[in-house]
Amino acid sequence: MGKLARLYCIPNISAKFGSSETYYRVLVRNDKGQLEYLLMTNDELIRIRHRVTMNPEDCPRPTLWDTIISWFM
């Protein structure tokens, strides 16, 4: 079973010229067991989602339990 996370859209507090005005933030546990935040722009999310469509064998379908739990997030 996969783990669920929630993406939060947050403002870029000190946005420079040409920077994205918002980021998507998620807290993850990395391969060393440490918690870390990841920040992604909308363009990066588009590329990530495209990668999933190109490699569906690496992304199992959500289970019924995943779906039920997601309703409470």
PDB file of N, CA and C in Angstrom:
ATOM      1  N   MET A   1       0.843  -1.164   0.000  1.00  0.00           N
ATOM      2  CA  MET A   1       0.000   0.000   0.000  1.00  0.00           C
ATOM      3  C   MET A   1       0.894   1.235   0.000  1.00  0.00           C
ATOM      4  N   GLY A   2       0.504   2.234  -0.778  1.00  0.00           N
ATOM      5  CA  GLY A   2       1.258   3.473  -0.833  1.00  0.00           C
ATOM      6  C   GLY A   2       0.917   4.389   0.327  1.00  0.00           C
ATOM      7  N   LYS A   3       1.745   5.354   0.544  1.00  0.00           N
ATOM      8  CA  LYS A   3       1.495   6.359   1.567  1.00  0.00           C
ATOM      9  C   LYS A   3       0.865   7.570   0.897  1.00  0.00           C
ATOM     10  N   LEU A   4      -0.029   8.217   1.620  1.00  0.00           N
ATOM     11  CA  LEU A   4      -0.690   9.397   1.084  1.00  0.00           C
ATOM     12  C   LEU A   4      -0.044  10.657   1.635  1.00  0.00           C
ATOM     13  N   ALA A   5      -0.016  11.669   0.831  1.00  0.00           N
ATOM     14  CA  ALA A   5       0.480  12.976   1.252  1.00  0.00           C
ATOM     15  C   ALA A   5      -0.446  14.026   0.651  1.00  0.00           C
ATOM     16  N   ARG A   6      -0.381  15.212   1.196  1.00  0.00           N
ATOM     17  CA  ARG A   6      -1.196  16.306   0.683  1.00  0.00           C
ATOM     18  C   ARG A   6      -0.268  17.411   0.192  1.00  0.00           C
ATOM     19  N   LEU A   7      -0.531  17.879  -1.022  1.00  0.00           N
ATOM     20  CA  LEU A   7       0.202  19.020  -1.557  1.00  0.00           C
ATOM     21  C   LEU A   7      -0.494  20.294  -1.106  1.00  0.00           C
ATOM     22  N   TYR A   8       0.284  21.243  -0.649  1.00  0.00           N
ATOM     23  CA  TYR A   8      -0.252  22.533  -0.253  1.00  0.00           C
ATOM     24  C   TYR A   8       0.265  23.590  -1.215  1.00  0.00           C
ATOM     25  N   CYS A   9      -0.625  24.406  -1.730  1.00  0.00           N
ATOM     26  CA  CYS A   9      -0.226  25.525  -2.575  1.00  0.00           C
ATOM     27  C   CYS A   9       0.070  26.701  -1.642  1.00  0.00           C
ATOM     28  N   ILE A  10       1.310  27.160  -1.666  1.00  0.00           N
ATOM     29  CA  ILE A  10       1.723  28.237  -0.771  1.00  0.00           C
ATOM     30  C   ILE A  10       2.310  29.387  -1.589  1.00  0.00           C
ATOM     31  N   PRO A  11       2.187  30.616  -1.090  1.00  0.00           N
ATOM     32  CA  PRO A  11       2.755  31.753  -1.823  1.00  0.00           C
ATOM     33  C   PRO A  11       4.276  31.773  -1.711  1.00  0.00           C
ATOM     34  N   ASN A  12       4.919  32.251  -2.756  1.00  0.00           N
ATOM     35  CA  ASN A  12       6.361  32.483  -2.740  1.00  0.00           C
ATOM     36  C   ASN A  12       6.551  33.843  -2.079  1.00  0.00           C
ATOM     37  N   ILE A  13       6.952  33.833  -0.825  1.00  0.00           N
ATOM     38  CA  ILE A  13       6.985  35.054  -0.012  1.00  0.00           C
ATOM     39  C   ILE A  13       7.922  36.113  -0.588  1.00  0.00           C
ATOM     40  N   SER A  14       9.068  35.709  -1.079  1.00  0.00           N
ATOM     41  CA  SER A  14      10.019  36.689  -1.622  1.00  0.00           C
ATOM     42  C   SER A  14      10.279  36.385  -3.094  1.00  0.00           C
ATOM     43  N   ALA A  15       9.218  36.398  -3.884  1.00  0.00           N
ATOM     44  CA  ALA A  15       9.329  36.061  -5.305  1.00  0.00           C
ATOM     45  C   ALA A  15      10.170  37.104  -6.043  1.00  0.00           C
ATOM     46  N   LYS A  16      11.150  36.639  -6.757  1.00  0.00           N
ATOM     47  CA  LYS A  16      11.979  37.501  -7.599  1.00  0.00           C
ATOM     48  C   LYS A  16      11.333  37.605  -8.979  1.00  0.00           C
ATOM     49  N   PHE A  17      11.796  38.550  -9.783  1.00  0.00           N
ATOM     50  CA  PHE A  17      11.265  38.716 -11.133  1.00  0.00           C
ATOM     51  C   PHE A  17      11.433  37.413 -11.912  1.00  0.00           C
ATOM     52  N   GLY A  18      10.357  36.938 -12.504  1.00  0.00           N
ATOM     53  CA  GLY A  18      10.396  35.715 -13.284  1.00  0.00           C
ATOM     54  C   GLY A  18      10.170  34.452 -12.470  1.00  0.00           C
ATOM     55  N   SER A  19      10.108  34.580 -11.154  1.00  0.00           N
ATOM     56  CA  SER A  19       9.865  33.421 -10.299  1.00  0.00           C
ATOM     57  C   SER A  19       8.378  33.116 -10.223  1.00  0.00           C
ATOM     58  N   SER A  20       8.087  31.888  -9.881  1.00  0.00           N
ATOM     59  CA  SER A  20       6.703  31.492  -9.672  1.00  0.00           C
ATOM     60  C   SER A  20       6.156  32.209  -8.438  1.00  0.00           C
ATOM     61  N   GLU A  21       4.905  32.626  -8.500  1.00  0.00           N
ATOM     62  CA  GLU A  21       4.285  33.296  -7.355  1.00  0.00           C
ATOM     63  C   GLU A  21       3.824  32.306  -6.292  1.00  0.00           C
ATOM     64  N   THR A  22       3.677  31.044  -6.677  1.00  0.00           N
ATOM     65  CA  THR A  22       3.272  30.016  -5.717  1.00  0.00           C
ATOM     66  C   THR A  22       4.122  28.761  -5.911  1.00  0.00           C
ATOM     67  N   TYR A  23       4.166  27.980  -4.854  1.00  0.00           N
ATOM     68  CA  TYR A  23       4.814  26.673  -4.882  1.00  0.00           C
ATOM     69  C   TYR A  23       3.832  25.654  -4.325  1.00  0.00           C
ATOM     70  N   TYR A  24       4.100  24.392  -4.637  1.00  0.00           N
ATOM     71  CA  TYR A  24       3.382  23.292  -4.015  1.00  0.00           C
ATOM     72  C   TYR A  24       4.365  22.638  -3.056  1.00  0.00           C
ATOM     73  N   ARG A  25       3.956  22.515  -1.795  1.00  0.00           N
ATOM     74  CA  ARG A  25       4.832  21.990  -0.750  1.00  0.00           C
ATOM     75  C   ARG A  25       4.281  20.656  -0.252  1.00  0.00           C
ATOM     76  N   VAL A  26       5.192  19.714  -0.022  1.00  0.00           N
ATOM     77  CA  VAL A  26       4.821  18.427   0.550  1.00  0.00           C
ATOM     78  C   VAL A  26       5.936  17.998   1.500  1.00  0.00           C
ATOM     79  N   LEU A  27       5.544  17.413   2.619  1.00  0.00           N
ATOM     80  CA  LEU A  27       6.502  16.877   3.590  1.00  0.00           C
ATOM     81  C   LEU A  27       6.636  15.378   3.333  1.00  0.00           C
ATOM     82  N   VAL A  28       7.862  14.920   3.141  1.00  0.00           N
ATOM     83  CA  VAL A  28       8.116  13.513   2.847  1.00  0.00           C
ATOM     84  C   VAL A  28       9.199  12.971   3.768  1.00  0.00           C
ATOM     85  N   ARG A  29       9.256  11.660   3.873  1.00  0.00           N
ATOM     86  CA  ARG A  29      10.364  11.008   4.566  1.00  0.00           C
ATOM     87  C   ARG A  29      11.283  10.480   3.479  1.00  0.00           C
ATOM     88  N   ASN A  30      12.543  10.911   3.482  1.00  0.00           N
ATOM     89  CA  ASN A  30      13.457  10.516   2.416  1.00  0.00           C
ATOM     90  C   ASN A  30      14.009   9.105   2.662  1.00  0.00           C
ATOM     91  N   ASP A  31      14.871   8.659   1.771  1.00  0.00           N
ATOM     92  CA  ASP A  31      15.387   7.294   1.857  1.00  0.00           C
ATOM     93  C   ASP A  31      16.313   7.072   3.060  1.00  0.00           C
ATOM     94  N   LYS A  32      16.701   8.142   3.746  1.00  0.00           N
ATOM     95  CA  LYS A  32      17.505   8.029   4.967  1.00  0.00           C
ATOM     96  C   LYS A  32      16.639   8.090   6.219  1.00  0.00           C
ATOM     97  N   GLY A  33      15.322   8.176   6.031  1.00  0.00           N
ATOM     98  CA  GLY A  33      14.402   8.224   7.150  1.00  0.00           C
ATOM     99  C   GLY A  33      14.194   9.613   7.731  1.00  0.00           C
ATOM    100  N   GLN A  34      14.743  10.631   7.080  1.00  0.00           N
ATOM    101  CA  GLN A  34      14.624  11.996   7.560  1.00  0.00           C
ATOM    102  C   GLN A  34      13.425  12.686   6.904  1.00  0.00           C
ATOM    103  N   LEU A  35      12.782  13.571   7.652  1.00  0.00           N
ATOM    104  CA  LEU A  35      11.697  14.359   7.091  1.00  0.00           C
ATOM    105  C   LEU A  35      12.279  15.556   6.351  1.00  0.00           C
ATOM    106  N   GLU A  36      11.716  15.846   5.187  1.00  0.00           N
ATOM    107  CA  GLU A  36      12.145  17.019   4.445  1.00  0.00           C
ATOM    108  C   GLU A  36      10.984  17.556   3.620  1.00  0.00           C
ATOM    109  N   TYR A  37      11.001  18.868   3.403  1.00  0.00           N
ATOM    110  CA  TYR A  37      10.001  19.494   2.550  1.00  0.00           C
ATOM    111  C   TYR A  37      10.501  19.511   1.119  1.00  0.00           C
ATOM    112  N   LEU A  38       9.570  19.305   0.197  1.00  0.00           N
ATOM    113  CA  LEU A  38       9.853  19.467  -1.219  1.00  0.00           C
ATOM    114  C   LEU A  38       8.963  20.593  -1.734  1.00  0.00           C
ATOM    115  N   LEU A  39       9.530  21.469  -2.552  1.00  0.00           N
ATOM    116  CA  LEU A  39       8.777  22.551  -3.178  1.00  0.00           C
ATOM    117  C   LEU A  39       8.789  22.341  -4.677  1.00  0.00           C
ATOM    118  N   MET A  40       7.619  22.446  -5.299  1.00  0.00           N
ATOM    119  CA  MET A  40       7.497  22.256  -6.735  1.00  0.00           C
ATOM    120  C   MET A  40       6.667  23.391  -7.322  1.00  0.00           C
ATOM    121  N   THR A  41       7.044  23.825  -8.508  1.00  0.00           N
ATOM    122  CA  THR A  41       6.229  24.796  -9.225  1.00  0.00           C
ATOM    123  C   THR A  41       5.150  24.050  -9.999  1.00  0.00           C
ATOM    124  N   ASN A  42       4.205  24.777 -10.526  1.00  0.00           N
ATOM    125  CA  ASN A  42       3.157  24.159 -11.336  1.00  0.00           C
ATOM    126  C   ASN A  42       3.762  23.468 -12.565  1.00  0.00           C
ATOM    127  N   ASP A  43       4.755  24.101 -13.195  1.00  0.00           N
ATOM    128  CA  ASP A  43       5.404  23.484 -14.356  1.00  0.00           C
ATOM    129  C   ASP A  43       6.086  22.172 -13.987  1.00  0.00           C
ATOM    130  N   GLU A  44       6.695  22.120 -12.811  1.00  0.00           N
ATOM    131  CA  GLU A  44       7.328  20.871 -12.368  1.00  0.00           C
ATOM    132  C   GLU A  44       6.285  19.788 -12.112  1.00  0.00           C
ATOM    133  N   LEU A  45       5.142  20.164 -11.567  1.00  0.00           N
ATOM    134  CA  LEU A  45       4.066  19.183 -11.363  1.00  0.00           C
ATOM    135  C   LEU A  45       3.568  18.629 -12.689  1.00  0.00           C
ATOM    136  N   ILE A  46       3.485  19.481 -13.694  1.00  0.00           N
ATOM    137  CA  ILE A  46       3.068  19.013 -15.027  1.00  0.00           C
ATOM    138  C   ILE A  46       4.049  17.974 -15.541  1.00  0.00           C
ATOM    139  N   ARG A  47       5.359  18.233 -15.396  1.00  0.00           N
ATOM    140  CA  ARG A  47       6.380  17.266 -15.848  1.00  0.00           C
ATOM    141  C   ARG A  47       6.316  15.973 -15.034  1.00  0.00           C
ATOM    142  N   ILE A  48       6.092  16.088 -13.728  1.00  0.00           N
ATOM    143  CA  ILE A  48       5.992  14.905 -12.877  1.00  0.00           C
ATOM    144  C   ILE A  48       4.799  14.054 -13.285  1.00  0.00           C
ATOM    145  N   ARG A  49       3.671  14.699 -13.523  1.00  0.00           N
ATOM    146  CA  ARG A  49       2.470  13.956 -13.934  1.00  0.00           C
ATOM    147  C   ARG A  49       2.658  13.300 -15.292  1.00  0.00           C
ATOM    148  N   HIS A  50       3.376  13.964 -16.183  1.00  0.00           N
ATOM    149  CA  HIS A  50       3.653  13.373 -17.495  1.00  0.00           C
ATOM    150  C   HIS A  50       4.529  12.133 -17.333  1.00  0.00           C
ATOM    151  N   ARG A  51       5.506  12.197 -16.420  1.00  0.00           N
ATOM    152  CA  ARG A  51       6.384  11.047 -16.174  1.00  0.00           C
ATOM    153  C   ARG A  51       5.574   9.841 -15.719  1.00  0.00           C
ATOM    154  N   VAL A  52       4.535  10.069 -14.924  1.00  0.00           N
ATOM    155  CA  VAL A  52       3.676   8.971 -14.457  1.00  0.00           C
ATOM    156  C   VAL A  52       2.969   8.327 -15.644  1.00  0.00           C
ATOM    157  N   THR A  53       2.490   9.134 -16.579  1.00  0.00           N
ATOM    158  CA  THR A  53       1.797   8.554 -17.748  1.00  0.00           C
ATOM    159  C   THR A  53       2.762   7.769 -18.640  1.00  0.00           C
ATOM    160  N   MET A  54       4.034   8.158 -18.636  1.00  0.00           N
ATOM    161  CA  MET A  54       5.013   7.458 -19.455  1.00  0.00           C
ATOM    162  C   MET A  54       5.545   6.188 -18.781  1.00  0.00           C
ATOM    163  N   ASN A  55       5.382   6.084 -17.457  1.00  0.00           N
ATOM    164  CA  ASN A  55       5.900   4.938 -16.699  1.00  0.00           C
ATOM    165  C   ASN A  55       4.824   4.369 -15.776  1.00  0.00           C
ATOM    166  N   PRO A  56       3.680   3.969 -16.314  1.00  0.00           N
ATOM    167  CA  PRO A  56       2.589   3.515 -15.445  1.00  0.00           C
ATOM    168  C   PRO A  56       2.934   2.259 -14.646  1.00  0.00           C
ATOM    169  N   GLU A  57       3.883   1.471 -15.115  1.00  0.00           N
ATOM    170  CA  GLU A  57       4.254   0.253 -14.398  1.00  0.00           C
ATOM    171  C   GLU A  57       4.920   0.556 -13.052  1.00  0.00           C
ATOM    172  N   ASP A  58       5.427   1.775 -12.906  1.00  0.00           N
ATOM    173  CA  ASP A  58       6.087   2.167 -11.655  1.00  0.00           C
ATOM    174  C   ASP A  58       5.134   2.804 -10.651  1.00  0.00           C
ATOM    175  N   CYS A  59       3.881   2.960 -11.026  1.00  0.00           N
ATOM    176  CA  CYS A  59       2.897   3.612 -10.154  1.00  0.00           C
ATOM    177  C   CYS A  59       1.666   2.726 -10.021  1.00  0.00           C
ATOM    178  N   PRO A  60       1.608   1.946  -8.946  1.00  0.00           N
ATOM    179  CA  PRO A  60       0.450   1.073  -8.764  1.00  0.00           C
ATOM    180  C   PRO A  60      -0.830   1.889  -8.565  1.00  0.00           C
ATOM    181  N   ARG A  61      -1.929   1.293  -8.930  1.00  0.00           N
ATOM    182  CA  ARG A  61      -3.217   1.959  -8.736  1.00  0.00           C
ATOM    183  C   ARG A  61      -3.504   2.074  -7.245  1.00  0.00           C
ATOM    184  N   PRO A  62      -4.156   3.172  -6.831  1.00  0.00           N
ATOM    185  CA  PRO A  62      -4.523   3.299  -5.416  1.00  0.00           C
ATOM    186  C   PRO A  62      -5.467   2.164  -5.013  1.00  0.00           C
ATOM    187  N   THR A  63      -5.275   1.670  -3.814  1.00  0.00           N
ATOM    188  CA  THR A  63      -6.138   0.618  -3.294  1.00  0.00           C
ATOM    189  C   THR A  63      -7.451   1.230  -2.800  1.00  0.00           C
ATOM    190  N   LEU A  64      -8.396   0.405  -2.506  1.00  0.00           N
ATOM    191  CA  LEU A  64      -9.659   0.877  -1.925  1.00  0.00           C
ATOM    192  C   LEU A  64      -9.379   1.599  -0.612  1.00  0.00           C
ATOM    193  N   TRP A  65      -8.455   1.054   0.187  1.00  0.00           N
ATOM    194  CA  TRP A  65      -8.100   1.690   1.459  1.00  0.00           C
ATOM    195  C   TRP A  65      -7.507   3.086   1.237  1.00  0.00           C
ATOM    196  N   ASP A  66      -6.630   3.227   0.247  1.00  0.00           N
ATOM    197  CA  ASP A  66      -6.065   4.542  -0.081  1.00  0.00           C
ATOM    198  C   ASP A  66      -7.180   5.534  -0.397  1.00  0.00           C
ATOM    199  N   THR A  67      -8.157   5.086  -1.166  1.00  0.00           N
ATOM    200  CA  THR A  67      -9.271   5.949  -1.555  1.00  0.00           C
ATOM    201  C   THR A  67     -10.083   6.368  -0.344  1.00  0.00           C
ATOM    202  N   ILE A  68     -10.376   5.432   0.536  1.00  0.00           N
ATOM    203  CA  ILE A  68     -11.166   5.737   1.734  1.00  0.00           C
ATOM    204  C   ILE A  68     -10.406   6.734   2.630  1.00  0.00           C
ATOM    205  N   ILE A  69      -9.137   6.473   2.869  1.00  0.00           N
ATOM    206  CA  ILE A  69      -8.332   7.353   3.717  1.00  0.00           C
ATOM    207  C   ILE A  69      -8.254   8.762   3.110  1.00  0.00           C
ATOM    208  N   SER A  70      -8.166   8.849   1.804  1.00  0.00           N
ATOM    209  CA  SER A  70      -8.028  10.165   1.153  1.00  0.00           C
ATOM    210  C   SER A  70      -9.243  11.049   1.400  1.00  0.00           C
ATOM    211  N   TRP A  71     -10.404  10.458   1.668  1.00  0.00           N
ATOM    212  CA  TRP A  71     -11.591  11.253   1.936  1.00  0.00           C
ATOM    213  C   TRP A  71     -11.460  12.045   3.238  1.00  0.00           C
ATOM    214  N   PHE A  72     -10.595  11.582   4.134  1.00  0.00           N
ATOM    215  CA  PHE A  72     -10.447  12.213   5.453  1.00  0.00           C
ATOM    216  C   PHE A  72      -9.242  13.142   5.537  1.00  0.00           C
ATOM    217  N   MET A  73      -8.547  13.311   4.452  1.00  0.00           N
ATOM    218  CA  MET A  73      -7.363  14.185   4.458  1.00  0.00           C
ATOM    219  C   MET A  73      -7.748  15.611   4.174  1.00  0.00           C
TER     220      MET A  73
END
